[in-house]
ModelCIF file with pLDDT and N, C-alpha, C, O atoms, coordinates in Angstrom:
data_MODEL
#
_entry.id   MODEL 
#
_entity.id                         1 
_entity.type                       polymer 
_entity.pdbx_number_of_molecules   1 
#
_entity_poly.entity_id                      1 
_entity_poly.type                           'polypeptide(L)' 
_entity_poly.nstd_linkage                   no 
_entity_poly.nstd_monomer                   no 
_entity_poly.pdbx_seq_one_letter_code       REIETDMGKLFSEVKESELISYGVIVNSFYELEPEYSNHYTKVF 
_entity_poly.pdbx_seq_one_letter_code_can   REIETDMGKLFSEVKESELISYGVIVNSFYELEPEYSNHYTKVF 
_entity_poly.pdbx_strand_id                 A 
#
loop_
_entity_poly_seq.entity_id 
_entity_poly_seq.num 
_entity_poly_seq.mon_id 
_entity_poly_seq.hetero 
1 1  ARG n 
1 2  GLU n 
1 3  ILE n 
1 4  GLU n 
1 5  THR n 
1 6  ASP n 
1 7  MET n 
1 8  GLY n 
1 9  LYS n 
1 10 LEU n 
1 11 PHE n 
1 12 SER n 
1 13 GLU n 
1 14 VAL n 
1 15 LYS n 
1 16 GLU n 
1 17 SER n 
1 18 GLU n 
1 19 LEU n 
1 20 ILE n 
1 21 SER n 
1 22 TYR n 
1 23 GLY n 
1 24 VAL n 
1 25 ILE n 
1 26 VAL n 
1 27 ASN n 
1 28 SER n 
1 29 PHE n 
1 30 TYR n 
1 31 GLU n 
1 32 LEU n 
1 33 GLU n 
1 34 PRO n 
1 35 GLU n 
1 36 TYR n 
1 37 SER n 
1 38 ASN n 
1 39 HIS n 
1 40 TYR n 
1 41 THR n 
1 42 LYS n 
1 43 VAL n 
1 44 PHE n 
#
_struct_asym.id          A 
_struct_asym.entity_id   1 
#
loop_
_ma_qa_metric.id 
_ma_qa_metric.mode 
_ma_qa_metric.name 
_ma_qa_metric.software_group_id 
_ma_qa_metric.type 
1 global pLDDT . pLDDT 
2 local  pLDDT . pLDDT 
#
_ma_qa_metric_global.metric_id      1 
_ma_qa_metric_global.metric_value   83.73 
_ma_qa_metric_global.model_id       1 
_ma_qa_metric_global.ordinal_id     1 
#
loop_
_ma_qa_metric_local.label_asym_id 
_ma_qa_metric_local.label_comp_id 
_ma_qa_metric_local.label_seq_id 
_ma_qa_metric_local.metric_id 
_ma_qa_metric_local.metric_value 
_ma_qa_metric_local.model_id 
_ma_qa_metric_local.ordinal_id 
A ARG 1  2 72.00 1 1  
A GLU 2  2 67.00 1 2  
A ILE 3  2 68.00 1 3  
A GLU 4  2 75.00 1 4  
A THR 5  2 76.00 1 5  
A ASP 6  2 80.00 1 6  
A MET 7  2 76.00 1 7  
A GLY 8  2 76.00 1 8  
A LYS 9  2 82.00 1 9  
A LEU 10 2 83.00 1 10 
A PHE 11 2 79.00 1 11 
A SER 12 2 81.00 1 12 
A GLU 13 2 86.00 1 13 
A VAL 14 2 83.00 1 14 
A LYS 15 2 82.00 1 15 
A GLU 16 2 86.00 1 16 
A SER 17 2 87.00 1 17 
A GLU 18 2 84.00 1 18 
A LEU 19 2 85.00 1 19 
A ILE 20 2 87.00 1 20 
A SER 21 2 87.00 1 21 
A TYR 22 2 86.00 1 22 
A GLY 23 2 86.00 1 23 
A VAL 24 2 86.00 1 24 
A ILE 25 2 83.00 1 25 
A VAL 26 2 82.00 1 26 
A ASN 27 2 80.00 1 27 
A SER 28 2 82.00 1 28 
A PHE 29 2 82.00 1 29 
A TYR 30 2 85.00 1 30 
A GLU 31 2 85.00 1 31 
A LEU 32 2 84.00 1 32 
A GLU 33 2 85.00 1 33 
A PRO 34 2 90.00 1 34 
A GLU 35 2 92.00 1 35 
A TYR 36 2 90.00 1 36 
A SER 37 2 90.00 1 37 
A ASN 38 2 93.00 1 38 
A HIS 39 2 92.00 1 39 
A TYR 40 2 89.00 1 40 
A THR 41 2 91.00 1 41 
A LYS 42 2 92.00 1 42 
A VAL 43 2 90.00 1 43 
A PHE 44 2 87.00 1 44 
#
loop_
_atom_site.group_PDB 
_atom_site.id 
_atom_site.type_symbol 
_atom_site.label_atom_id 
_atom_site.label_alt_id 
_atom_site.label_comp_id 
_atom_site.label_asym_id 
_atom_site.label_entity_id 
_atom_site.label_seq_id 
_atom_site.pdbx_PDB_ins_code 
_atom_site.Cartn_x 
_atom_site.Cartn_y 
_atom_site.Cartn_z 
_atom_site.occupancy 
_atom_site.B_iso_or_equiv 
_atom_site.pdbx_formal_charge 
_atom_site.auth_seq_id 
_atom_site.auth_comp_id 
_atom_site.auth_asym_id 
_atom_site.auth_atom_id 
_atom_site.pdbx_PDB_model_num 
ATOM 1   N N  . ARG A 1 1  ? -11.264 21.730 11.303 1.00 72.00 ? 1  ARG A N  1 
ATOM 2   C CA . ARG A 1 1  ? -10.762 22.581 12.388 1.00 72.00 ? 1  ARG A CA 1 
ATOM 3   C C  . ARG A 1 1  ? -11.845 23.498 12.947 1.00 72.00 ? 1  ARG A C  1 
ATOM 4   O O  . ARG A 1 1  ? -11.571 24.623 13.366 1.00 72.00 ? 1  ARG A O  1 
ATOM 5   N N  . GLU A 1 2  ? -13.092 22.992 12.945 1.00 67.00 ? 2  GLU A N  1 
ATOM 6   C CA . GLU A 1 2  ? -14.206 23.771 13.470 1.00 67.00 ? 2  GLU A CA 1 
ATOM 7   C C  . GLU A 1 2  ? -14.400 23.532 14.960 1.00 67.00 ? 2  GLU A C  1 
ATOM 8   O O  . GLU A 1 2  ? -14.855 24.413 15.690 1.00 67.00 ? 2  GLU A O  1 
ATOM 9   N N  . ILE A 1 3  ? -14.046 22.323 15.403 1.00 68.00 ? 3  ILE A N  1 
ATOM 10  C CA . ILE A 1 3  ? -14.132 22.006 16.818 1.00 68.00 ? 3  ILE A CA 1 
ATOM 11  C C  . ILE A 1 3  ? -12.851 21.285 17.222 1.00 68.00 ? 3  ILE A C  1 
ATOM 12  O O  . ILE A 1 3  ? -12.208 20.633 16.400 1.00 68.00 ? 3  ILE A O  1 
ATOM 13  N N  . GLU A 1 4  ? -12.495 21.407 18.473 1.00 75.00 ? 4  GLU A N  1 
ATOM 14  C CA . GLU A 1 4  ? -11.313 20.706 18.952 1.00 75.00 ? 4  GLU A CA 1 
ATOM 15  C C  . GLU A 1 4  ? -11.771 19.592 19.881 1.00 75.00 ? 4  GLU A C  1 
ATOM 16  O O  . GLU A 1 4  ? -12.432 19.841 20.889 1.00 75.00 ? 4  GLU A O  1 
ATOM 17  N N  . THR A 1 5  ? -11.415 18.373 19.533 1.00 76.00 ? 5  THR A N  1 
ATOM 18  C CA . THR A 1 5  ? -11.780 17.213 20.331 1.00 76.00 ? 5  THR A CA 1 
ATOM 19  C C  . THR A 1 5  ? -10.517 16.441 20.691 1.00 76.00 ? 5  THR A C  1 
ATOM 20  O O  . THR A 1 5  ? -9.452  16.652 20.110 1.00 76.00 ? 5  THR A O  1 
ATOM 21  N N  . ASP A 1 6  ? -10.659 15.547 21.658 1.00 80.00 ? 6  ASP A N  1 
ATOM 22  C CA . ASP A 1 6  ? -9.526  14.684 22.004 1.00 80.00 ? 6  ASP A CA 1 
ATOM 23  C C  . ASP A 1 6  ? -9.131  13.828 20.813 1.00 80.00 ? 6  ASP A C  1 
ATOM 24  O O  . ASP A 1 6  ? -7.945  13.608 20.568 1.00 80.00 ? 6  ASP A O  1 
ATOM 25  N N  . MET A 1 7  ? -10.133 13.340 20.064 1.00 76.00 ? 7  MET A N  1 
ATOM 26  C CA . MET A 1 7  ? -9.839  12.530 18.881 1.00 76.00 ? 7  MET A CA 1 
ATOM 27  C C  . MET A 1 7  ? -9.123  13.378 17.833 1.00 76.00 ? 7  MET A C  1 
ATOM 28  O O  . MET A 1 7  ? -8.199  12.896 17.177 1.00 76.00 ? 7  MET A O  1 
ATOM 29  N N  . GLY A 1 8  ? -9.533  14.623 17.669 1.00 76.00 ? 8  GLY A N  1 
ATOM 30  C CA . GLY A 1 8  ? -8.862  15.525 16.734 1.00 76.00 ? 8  GLY A CA 1 
ATOM 31  C C  . GLY A 1 8  ? -7.416  15.758 17.119 1.00 76.00 ? 8  GLY A C  1 
ATOM 32  O O  . GLY A 1 8  ? -6.535  15.784 16.260 1.00 76.00 ? 8  GLY A O  1 
ATOM 33  N N  . LYS A 1 9  ? -7.171  15.927 18.413 1.00 82.00 ? 9  LYS A N  1 
ATOM 34  C CA . LYS A 1 9  ? -5.800  16.107 18.899 1.00 82.00 ? 9  LYS A CA 1 
ATOM 35  C C  . LYS A 1 9  ? -4.971  14.858 18.613 1.00 82.00 ? 9  LYS A C  1 
ATOM 36  O O  . LYS A 1 9  ? -3.814  14.946 18.202 1.00 82.00 ? 9  LYS A O  1 
ATOM 37  N N  . LEU A 1 10 ? -5.587  13.685 18.840 1.00 83.00 ? 10 LEU A N  1 
ATOM 38  C CA . LEU A 1 10 ? -4.889  12.431 18.585 1.00 83.00 ? 10 LEU A CA 1 
ATOM 39  C C  . LEU A 1 10 ? -4.552  12.302 17.103 1.00 83.00 ? 10 LEU A C  1 
ATOM 40  O O  . LEU A 1 10 ? -3.432  11.928 16.754 1.00 83.00 ? 10 LEU A O  1 
ATOM 41  N N  . PHE A 1 11 ? -5.509  12.608 16.229 1.00 79.00 ? 11 PHE A N  1 
ATOM 42  C CA . PHE A 1 11 ? -5.254  12.548 14.788 1.00 79.00 ? 11 PHE A CA 1 
ATOM 43  C C  . PHE A 1 11 ? -4.141  13.516 14.384 1.00 79.00 ? 11 PHE A C  1 
ATOM 44  O O  . PHE A 1 11 ? -3.318  13.193 13.528 1.00 79.00 ? 11 PHE A O  1 
ATOM 45  N N  . SER A 1 12 ? -4.116  14.685 14.991 1.00 81.00 ? 12 SER A N  1 
ATOM 46  C CA . SER A 1 12 ? -3.054  15.652 14.688 1.00 81.00 ? 12 SER A CA 1 
ATOM 47  C C  . SER A 1 12 ? -1.691  15.104 15.095 1.00 81.00 ? 12 SER A C  1 
ATOM 48  O O  . SER A 1 12 ? -0.713  15.257 14.362 1.00 81.00 ? 12 SER A O  1 
ATOM 49  N N  . GLU A 1 13 ? -1.625  14.470 16.252 1.00 86.00 ? 13 GLU A N  1 
ATOM 50  C CA . GLU A 1 13 ? -0.363  13.878 16.707 1.00 86.00 ? 13 GLU A CA 1 
ATOM 51  C C  . GLU A 1 13 ? 0.068   12.740 15.785 1.00 86.00 ? 13 GLU A C  1 
ATOM 52  O O  . GLU A 1 13 ? 1.248   12.604 15.464 1.00 86.00 ? 13 GLU A O  1 
ATOM 53  N N  . VAL A 1 14 ? -0.902  11.922 15.361 1.00 83.00 ? 14 VAL A N  1 
ATOM 54  C CA . VAL A 1 14 ? -0.595  10.822 14.445 1.00 83.00 ? 14 VAL A CA 1 
ATOM 55  C C  . VAL A 1 14 ? -0.063  11.386 13.134 1.00 83.00 ? 14 VAL A C  1 
ATOM 56  O O  . VAL A 1 14 ? 0.925   10.882 12.600 1.00 83.00 ? 14 VAL A O  1 
ATOM 57  N N  . LYS A 1 15 ? -0.705  12.423 12.613 1.00 82.00 ? 15 LYS A N  1 
ATOM 58  C CA . LYS A 1 15 ? -0.270  13.029 11.347 1.00 82.00 ? 15 LYS A CA 1 
ATOM 59  C C  . LYS A 1 15 ? 1.132   13.608 11.496 1.00 82.00 ? 15 LYS A C  1 
ATOM 60  O O  . LYS A 1 15 ? 1.959   13.442 10.599 1.00 82.00 ? 15 LYS A O  1 
ATOM 61  N N  . GLU A 1 16 ? 1.413   14.277 12.597 1.00 86.00 ? 16 GLU A N  1 
ATOM 62  C CA . GLU A 1 16 ? 2.748   14.822 12.827 1.00 86.00 ? 16 GLU A CA 1 
ATOM 63  C C  . GLU A 1 16 ? 3.796   13.714 12.848 1.00 86.00 ? 16 GLU A C  1 
ATOM 64  O O  . GLU A 1 16 ? 4.875   13.863 12.274 1.00 86.00 ? 16 GLU A O  1 
ATOM 65  N N  . SER A 1 17 ? 3.480   12.612 13.506 1.00 87.00 ? 17 SER A N  1 
ATOM 66  C CA . SER A 1 17 ? 4.448   11.512 13.562 1.00 87.00 ? 17 SER A CA 1 
ATOM 67  C C  . SER A 1 17 ? 4.599   10.854 12.200 1.00 87.00 ? 17 SER A C  1 
ATOM 68  O O  . SER A 1 17 ? 5.687   10.395 11.851 1.00 87.00 ? 17 SER A O  1 
ATOM 69  N N  . GLU A 1 18 ? 3.526   10.802 11.429 1.00 84.00 ? 18 GLU A N  1 
ATOM 70  C CA . GLU A 1 18 ? 3.610   10.232 10.079 1.00 84.00 ? 18 GLU A CA 1 
ATOM 71  C C  . GLU A 1 18 ? 4.527   11.068 9.192  1.00 84.00 ? 18 GLU A C  1 
ATOM 72  O O  . GLU A 1 18 ? 5.289   10.524 8.394  1.00 84.00 ? 18 GLU A O  1 
ATOM 73  N N  . LEU A 1 19 ? 4.454   12.376 9.330  1.00 85.00 ? 19 LEU A N  1 
ATOM 74  C CA . LEU A 1 19 ? 5.259   13.264 8.494  1.00 85.00 ? 19 LEU A CA 1 
ATOM 75  C C  . LEU A 1 19 ? 6.759   13.115 8.742  1.00 85.00 ? 19 LEU A C  1 
ATOM 76  O O  . LEU A 1 19 ? 7.561   13.380 7.846  1.00 85.00 ? 19 LEU A O  1 
ATOM 77  N N  . ILE A 1 20 ? 7.146   12.694 9.942  1.00 87.00 ? 20 ILE A N  1 
ATOM 78  C CA . ILE A 1 20 ? 8.569   12.539 10.241 1.00 87.00 ? 20 ILE A CA 1 
ATOM 79  C C  . ILE A 1 20 ? 9.004   11.078 10.274 1.00 87.00 ? 20 ILE A C  1 
ATOM 80  O O  . ILE A 1 20 ? 10.168  10.779 10.538 1.00 87.00 ? 20 ILE A O  1 
ATOM 81  N N  . SER A 1 21 ? 8.074   10.175 10.007 1.00 87.00 ? 21 SER A N  1 
ATOM 82  C CA . SER A 1 21 ? 8.402   8.749  10.060 1.00 87.00 ? 21 SER A CA 1 
ATOM 83  C C  . SER A 1 21 ? 9.124   8.298  8.791  1.00 87.00 ? 21 SER A C  1 
ATOM 84  O O  . SER A 1 21 ? 9.181   9.023  7.798  1.00 87.00 ? 21 SER A O  1 
ATOM 85  N N  . TYR A 1 22 ? 9.662   7.110  8.847  1.00 86.00 ? 22 TYR A N  1 
ATOM 86  C CA . TYR A 1 22 ? 10.362  6.526  7.704  1.00 86.00 ? 22 TYR A CA 1 
ATOM 87  C C  . TYR A 1 22 ? 9.384   6.113  6.610  1.00 86.00 ? 22 TYR A C  1 
ATOM 88  O O  . TYR A 1 22 ? 9.762   6.044  5.440  1.00 86.00 ? 22 TYR A O  1 
ATOM 89  N N  . GLY A 1 23 ? 8.151   5.843  6.965  1.00 86.00 ? 23 GLY A N  1 
ATOM 90  C CA . GLY A 1 23 ? 7.127   5.439  6.008  1.00 86.00 ? 23 GLY A CA 1 
ATOM 91  C C  . GLY A 1 23 ? 5.906   4.899  6.725  1.00 86.00 ? 23 GLY A C  1 
ATOM 92  O O  . GLY A 1 23 ? 5.838   4.916  7.954  1.00 86.00 ? 23 GLY A O  1 
ATOM 93  N N  . VAL A 1 24 ? 4.939   4.417  5.951  1.00 86.00 ? 24 VAL A N  1 
ATOM 94  C CA . VAL A 1 24 ? 3.706   3.886  6.528  1.00 86.00 ? 24 VAL A CA 1 
ATOM 95  C C  . VAL A 1 24 ? 3.450   2.477  6.015  1.00 86.00 ? 24 VAL A C  1 
ATOM 96  O O  . VAL A 1 24 ? 3.891   2.102  4.929  1.00 86.00 ? 24 VAL A O  1 
ATOM 97  N N  . ILE A 1 25 ? 2.737   1.715  6.811  1.00 83.00 ? 25 ILE A N  1 
ATOM 98  C CA . ILE A 1 25 ? 2.280   0.385  6.420  1.00 83.00 ? 25 ILE A CA 1 
ATOM 99  C C  . ILE A 1 25 ? 0.814   0.517  6.055  1.00 83.00 ? 25 ILE A C  1 
ATOM 100 O O  . ILE A 1 25 ? 0.029   1.088  6.812  1.00 83.00 ? 25 ILE A O  1 
ATOM 101 N N  . VAL A 1 26 ? 0.442   -0.014 4.890  1.00 82.00 ? 26 VAL A N  1 
ATOM 102 C CA . VAL A 1 26 ? -0.910  0.141  4.367  1.00 82.00 ? 26 VAL A CA 1 
ATOM 103 C C  . VAL A 1 26 ? -1.592  -1.223 4.308  1.00 82.00 ? 26 VAL A C  1 
ATOM 104 O O  . VAL A 1 26 ? -1.044  -2.176 3.753  1.00 82.00 ? 26 VAL A O  1 
ATOM 105 N N  . ASN A 1 27 ? -2.774  -1.308 4.877  1.00 80.00 ? 27 ASN A N  1 
ATOM 106 C CA . ASN A 1 27 ? -3.531  -2.552 4.859  1.00 80.00 ? 27 ASN A CA 1 
ATOM 107 C C  . ASN A 1 27 ? -4.324  -2.646 3.558  1.00 80.00 ? 27 ASN A C  1 
ATOM 108 O O  . ASN A 1 27 ? -5.555  -2.632 3.561  1.00 80.00 ? 27 ASN A O  1 
ATOM 109 N N  . SER A 1 28 ? -3.601  -2.742 2.458  1.00 82.00 ? 28 SER A N  1 
ATOM 110 C CA . SER A 1 28 ? -4.177  -2.881 1.128  1.00 82.00 ? 28 SER A CA 1 
ATOM 111 C C  . SER A 1 28 ? -3.111  -3.524 0.266  1.00 82.00 ? 28 SER A C  1 
ATOM 112 O O  . SER A 1 28 ? -2.022  -3.834 0.748  1.00 82.00 ? 28 SER A O  1 
ATOM 113 N N  . PHE A 1 29 ? -3.416  -3.725 -1.001 1.00 82.00 ? 29 PHE A N  1 
ATOM 114 C CA . PHE A 1 29 ? -2.388  -4.232 -1.887 1.00 82.00 ? 29 PHE A CA 1 
ATOM 115 C C  . PHE A 1 29 ? -2.328  -3.372 -3.132 1.00 82.00 ? 29 PHE A C  1 
ATOM 116 O O  . PHE A 1 29 ? -3.339  -2.841 -3.591 1.00 82.00 ? 29 PHE A O  1 
ATOM 117 N N  . TYR A 1 30 ? -1.144  -3.245 -3.662 1.00 85.00 ? 30 TYR A N  1 
ATOM 118 C CA . TYR A 1 30 ? -0.857  -2.318 -4.747 1.00 85.00 ? 30 TYR A CA 1 
ATOM 119 C C  . TYR A 1 30 ? -1.810  -2.495 -5.923 1.00 85.00 ? 30 TYR A C  1 
ATOM 120 O O  . TYR A 1 30 ? -2.293  -1.507 -6.476 1.00 85.00 ? 30 TYR A O  1 
ATOM 121 N N  . GLU A 1 31 ? -2.088  -3.741 -6.317 1.00 85.00 ? 31 GLU A N  1 
ATOM 122 C CA . GLU A 1 31 ? -2.911  -3.993 -7.500 1.00 85.00 ? 31 GLU A CA 1 
ATOM 123 C C  . GLU A 1 31 ? -4.346  -3.497 -7.353 1.00 85.00 ? 31 GLU A C  1 
ATOM 124 O O  . GLU A 1 31 ? -5.020  -3.265 -8.356 1.00 85.00 ? 31 GLU A O  1 
ATOM 125 N N  . LEU A 1 32 ? -4.816  -3.334 -6.136 1.00 84.00 ? 32 LEU A N  1 
ATOM 126 C CA . LEU A 1 32 ? -6.176  -2.854 -5.916 1.00 84.00 ? 32 LEU A CA 1 
ATOM 127 C C  . LEU A 1 32 ? -6.299  -1.366 -6.216 1.00 84.00 ? 32 LEU A C  1 
ATOM 128 O O  . LEU A 1 32 ? -7.315  -0.929 -6.757 1.00 84.00 ? 32 LEU A O  1 
ATOM 129 N N  . GLU A 1 33 ? -5.296  -0.594 -5.877 1.00 85.00 ? 33 GLU A N  1 
ATOM 130 C CA . GLU A 1 33 ? -5.351  0.854  -6.063 1.00 85.00 ? 33 GLU A CA 1 
ATOM 131 C C  . GLU A 1 33 ? -3.993  1.423  -6.451 1.00 85.00 ? 33 GLU A C  1 
ATOM 132 O O  . GLU A 1 33 ? -3.426  2.234  -5.719 1.00 85.00 ? 33 GLU A O  1 
ATOM 133 N N  . PRO A 1 34 ? -3.465  0.995  -7.614 1.00 90.00 ? 34 PRO A N  1 
ATOM 134 C CA . PRO A 1 34 ? -2.116  1.422  -7.998 1.00 90.00 ? 34 PRO A CA 1 
ATOM 135 C C  . PRO A 1 34 ? -1.982  2.927  -8.205 1.00 90.00 ? 34 PRO A C  1 
ATOM 136 O O  . PRO A 1 34 ? -0.947  3.500  -7.865 1.00 90.00 ? 34 PRO A O  1 
ATOM 137 N N  . GLU A 1 35 ? -3.004  3.577  -8.755 1.00 92.00 ? 35 GLU A N  1 
ATOM 138 C CA . GLU A 1 35 ? -2.896  5.025  -8.995 1.00 92.00 ? 35 GLU A CA 1 
ATOM 139 C C  . GLU A 1 35 ? -2.700  5.782  -7.681 1.00 92.00 ? 35 GLU A C  1 
ATOM 140 O O  . GLU A 1 35 ? -1.917  6.729  -7.607 1.00 92.00 ? 35 GLU A O  1 
ATOM 141 N N  . TYR A 1 36 ? -3.423  5.350  -6.648 1.00 90.00 ? 36 TYR A N  1 
ATOM 142 C CA . TYR A 1 36 ? -3.324  6.052  -5.372 1.00 90.00 ? 36 TYR A CA 1 
ATOM 143 C C  . TYR A 1 36 ? -2.040  5.679  -4.624 1.00 90.00 ? 36 TYR A C  1 
ATOM 144 O O  . TYR A 1 36 ? -1.481  6.502  -3.900 1.00 90.00 ? 36 TYR A O  1 
ATOM 145 N N  . SER A 1 37 ? -1.583  4.457  -4.798 1.00 90.00 ? 37 SER A N  1 
ATOM 146 C CA . SER A 1 37 ? -0.298  4.061  -4.213 1.00 90.00 ? 37 SER A CA 1 
ATOM 147 C C  . SER A 1 37 ? 0.820   4.900  -4.811 1.00 90.00 ? 37 SER A C  1 
ATOM 148 O O  . SER A 1 37 ? 1.668   5.425  -4.089 1.00 90.00 ? 37 SER A O  1 
ATOM 149 N N  . ASN A 1 38 ? 0.818   5.025  -6.137 1.00 93.00 ? 38 ASN A N  1 
ATOM 150 C CA . ASN A 1 38 ? 1.828   5.839  -6.814 1.00 93.00 ? 38 ASN A CA 1 
ATOM 151 C C  . ASN A 1 38 ? 1.695   7.309  -6.428 1.00 93.00 ? 38 ASN A C  1 
ATOM 152 O O  . ASN A 1 38 ? 2.698   7.987  -6.202 1.00 93.00 ? 38 ASN A O  1 
ATOM 153 N N  . HIS A 1 39 ? 0.479   7.794  -6.352 1.00 92.00 ? 39 HIS A N  1 
ATOM 154 C CA . HIS A 1 39 ? 0.227   9.182  -5.984 1.00 92.00 ? 39 HIS A CA 1 
ATOM 155 C C  . HIS A 1 39 ? 0.818   9.468  -4.601 1.00 92.00 ? 39 HIS A C  1 
ATOM 156 O O  . HIS A 1 39 ? 1.487   10.483 -4.408 1.00 92.00 ? 39 HIS A O  1 
ATOM 157 N N  . TYR A 1 40 ? 0.576   8.595  -3.665 1.00 89.00 ? 40 TYR A N  1 
ATOM 158 C CA . TYR A 1 40 ? 1.070   8.797  -2.303 1.00 89.00 ? 40 TYR A CA 1 
ATOM 159 C C  . TYR A 1 40 ? 2.586   8.902  -2.270 1.00 89.00 ? 40 TYR A C  1 
ATOM 160 O O  . TYR A 1 40 ? 3.143   9.791  -1.626 1.00 89.00 ? 40 TYR A O  1 
ATOM 161 N N  . THR A 1 41 ? 3.249   7.988  -2.968 1.00 91.00 ? 41 THR A N  1 
ATOM 162 C CA . THR A 1 41 ? 4.709   8.001  -2.914 1.00 91.00 ? 41 THR A CA 1 
ATOM 163 C C  . THR A 1 41 ? 5.326   9.103  -3.764 1.00 91.00 ? 41 THR A C  1 
ATOM 164 O O  . THR A 1 41 ? 6.315   9.714  -3.359 1.00 91.00 ? 41 THR A O  1 
ATOM 165 N N  . LYS A 1 42 ? 4.756   9.365  -4.934 1.00 92.00 ? 42 LYS A N  1 
ATOM 166 C CA . LYS A 1 42 ? 5.353   10.364 -5.830 1.00 92.00 ? 42 LYS A CA 1 
ATOM 167 C C  . LYS A 1 42 ? 4.975   11.794 -5.451 1.00 92.00 ? 42 LYS A C  1 
ATOM 168 O O  . LYS A 1 42 ? 5.840   12.668 -5.393 1.00 92.00 ? 42 LYS A O  1 
ATOM 169 N N  . VAL A 1 43 ? 3.701   12.037 -5.196 1.00 90.00 ? 43 VAL A N  1 
ATOM 170 C CA . VAL A 1 43 ? 3.254   13.406 -4.922 1.00 90.00 ? 43 VAL A CA 1 
ATOM 171 C C  . VAL A 1 43 ? 3.606   13.837 -3.505 1.00 90.00 ? 43 VAL A C  1 
ATOM 172 O O  . VAL A 1 43 ? 4.059   14.962 -3.291 1.00 90.00 ? 43 VAL A O  1 
ATOM 173 N N  . PHE A 1 44 ? 3.398   12.944 -2.533 1.00 87.00 ? 44 PHE A N  1 
ATOM 174 C CA . PHE A 1 44 ? 3.684   13.308 -1.150 1.00 87.00 ? 44 PHE A CA 1 
ATOM 175 C C  . PHE A 1 44 ? 5.110   12.957 -0.742 1.00 87.00 ? 44 PHE A C  1 
ATOM 176 O O  . PHE A 1 44 ? 5.505   13.203 0.397  1.00 87.00 ? 44 PHE A O  1 
#
């Protein structure tokens, strides 16, 4: 948050929509990073 750019604004809008969405689609597979998959669903 040191500079405000159009890309920063876009990322903020994407993050806001992610927070109210039903979920996200991840271009990965669970077995590659199970700890982080679990972390995302359980912690967040």
